[in-house]
Amino acid sequence: PVTILSSKLVNWQTIPIKIDTPQTLQRTFNKLDEGRVTPIPLPPEILEKAGAKLIAPIHPTYMINRGAFYFELTMMNDNETWHITSSNGGPALVGLGLFKHLHQLQNLYFALTGEEL
């Protein structure tokens, strides 16, 4: 059996899994999608703990600056989704997508910088 361990990125439950066929594996992961795994939201407090600085308070926009690379995160009207843009020092910002959860930002940040957030 395989055991899924705890993770800091999402709220996992420890579930013993016996994998004997591909169908068993698929059924197991379908069950995980039924509410056992819940992603961590991305409120401004988490951004601040990650070193983000508030640069526009009226329509909340934060900046994470890492030398030549920086990210801007702007809160959308639903108050739970962030529009993320990035630049490598030039004047142009590149849209990177809409994010709601901590693991999405962590994955993007690591993919672009090679560093943990």
Protein backbone atom coordinates (compact mmCIF):
# COMPACT_ATOMS: atom_id res chain seq x y z
CA PRO A 1 0.00 0.00 0.00
CA VAL A 2 0.99 3.60 -0.66
CA THR A 3 0.27 6.29 1.92
CA ILE A 4 -0.29 9.92 1.06
CA LEU A 5 1.53 12.00 3.64
CA SER A 6 0.85 15.45 5.02
CA SER A 7 1.73 18.46 2.95
CA LYS A 8 2.13 22.14 3.77
CA LEU A 9 0.65 23.11 0.40
CA VAL A 10 -2.77 21.52 0.75
CA ASN A 11 -4.75 20.00 3.59
CA TRP A 12 -4.23 16.28 2.98
CA GLN A 13 -5.70 13.39 4.91
CA THR A 14 -3.53 10.31 5.32
CA ILE A 15 -5.18 7.62 3.23
CA PRO A 16 -3.77 4.13 2.74
CA ILE A 17 -3.99 3.13 -0.90
CA LYS A 18 -3.61 -0.37 -2.30
CA ILE A 19 -2.79 -0.05 -5.99
CA ASP A 20 -3.40 -3.25 -7.90
CA THR A 21 -4.85 -1.95 -11.19
CA PRO A 22 -4.93 1.37 -13.06
CA GLN A 23 -8.67 1.50 -12.34
CA THR A 24 -8.01 1.32 -8.58
CA LEU A 25 -5.57 4.20 -8.88
CA GLN A 26 -8.08 6.29 -10.85
CA ARG A 27 -10.91 5.58 -8.37
CA THR A 28 -8.61 6.55 -5.50
CA PHE A 29 -7.71 9.91 -7.02
CA ASN A 30 -11.35 10.56 -7.92
CA LYS A 31 -12.14 10.14 -4.21
CA LEU A 32 -9.41 12.65 -3.34
CA ASP A 33 -11.20 15.17 -5.53
CA GLU A 34 -14.40 14.73 -3.51
CA GLY A 35 -13.40 17.20 -0.83
CA ARG A 36 -10.58 15.37 0.95
CA VAL A 37 -8.00 17.71 -0.53
CA THR A 38 -8.67 21.41 -0.14
CA PRO A 39 -6.19 23.98 -1.44
CA ILE A 40 -5.06 26.80 0.82
CA PRO A 41 -6.51 30.17 -0.24
CA LEU A 42 -4.21 33.08 -1.00
CA PRO A 43 -5.24 36.02 1.23
CA PRO A 44 -3.13 39.19 1.46
CA GLU A 45 -1.72 38.05 4.83
CA ILE A 46 0.04 35.10 3.16
CA LEU A 47 1.46 37.38 0.47
CA GLU A 48 2.83 39.70 3.16
CA LYS A 49 4.44 36.76 4.99
CA ALA A 50 6.10 35.82 1.68
CA GLY A 51 7.64 39.29 1.49
CA ALA A 52 5.12 40.96 -0.83
CA LYS A 53 4.71 44.72 -0.42
CA LEU A 54 1.40 46.51 -0.85
CA ILE A 55 1.87 49.06 -3.66
CA ALA A 56 -1.76 50.05 -4.40
CA PRO A 57 -4.20 49.82 -1.46
CA ILE A 58 -7.42 50.98 -3.20
CA HIS A 59 -7.48 48.07 -5.68
CA PRO A 60 -5.11 45.81 -3.71
CA THR A 61 -1.91 45.22 -5.64
CA TYR A 62 1.17 43.60 -4.14
CA MET A 63 4.69 43.31 -5.48
CA ILE A 64 7.16 40.51 -4.85
CA ASN A 65 10.58 41.80 -5.88
CA ARG A 66 13.49 39.41 -6.34
CA GLY A 67 16.27 41.41 -7.94
CA ALA A 68 15.72 41.66 -11.68
CA PHE A 69 12.52 39.63 -11.48
CA TYR A 70 9.32 40.95 -9.94
CA PHE A 71 5.71 39.87 -9.72
CA GLU A 72 2.63 42.04 -9.30
CA LEU A 73 -0.51 40.49 -7.84
CA THR A 74 -3.74 42.44 -8.21
CA MET A 75 -6.94 41.37 -6.43
CA MET A 76 -9.86 40.82 -8.77
CA ASN A 77 -13.43 41.98 -7.98
CA ASP A 78 -14.39 38.60 -6.45
CA ASN A 79 -11.91 39.26 -3.59
CA GLU A 80 -10.39 35.78 -3.84
CA THR A 81 -8.68 35.69 -7.25
CA TRP A 82 -5.34 37.35 -8.04
CA HIS A 83 -4.24 38.47 -11.50
CA ILE A 84 -0.49 37.89 -11.63
CA THR A 85 1.91 39.72 -13.92
CA SER A 86 5.69 39.62 -14.08
CA SER A 87 8.64 41.49 -15.51
CA ASN A 88 12.35 40.81 -15.74
CA GLY A 89 13.29 44.43 -15.28
CA GLY A 90 11.87 45.97 -18.44
CA PRO A 91 8.82 48.21 -18.56
CA ALA A 92 6.49 45.54 -19.97
CA LEU A 93 4.46 43.30 -17.68
CA VAL A 94 3.56 39.81 -18.85
CA GLY A 95 0.23 38.38 -17.69
CA LEU A 96 0.74 35.00 -16.03
CA GLY A 97 -2.82 34.10 -15.18
CA LEU A 98 -5.43 34.09 -12.45
CA PHE A 99 -4.66 32.35 -9.17
CA LYS A 100 -6.73 31.59 -6.06
CA HIS A 101 -4.50 29.23 -4.08
CA LEU A 102 -1.11 29.29 -2.42
CA HIS A 103 0.24 26.22 -4.24
CA GLN A 104 -0.43 27.89 -7.61
CA LEU A 105 1.74 30.88 -6.69
CA GLN A 106 4.44 28.65 -5.18
CA ASN A 107 4.60 26.49 -8.32
CA LEU A 108 4.75 29.50 -10.64
CA TYR A 109 7.37 31.25 -8.55
CA PHE A 110 9.59 28.18 -8.41
CA ALA A 111 9.20 27.51 -12.15
CA LEU A 112 10.28 31.06 -13.01
CA THR A 113 12.99 31.68 -10.41
CA GLY A 114 14.24 28.23 -9.36
CA GLU A 115 13.74 29.31 -5.73
CA GLU A 116 11.14 28.59 -3.06
CA LEU A 117 8.77 31.43 -2.29
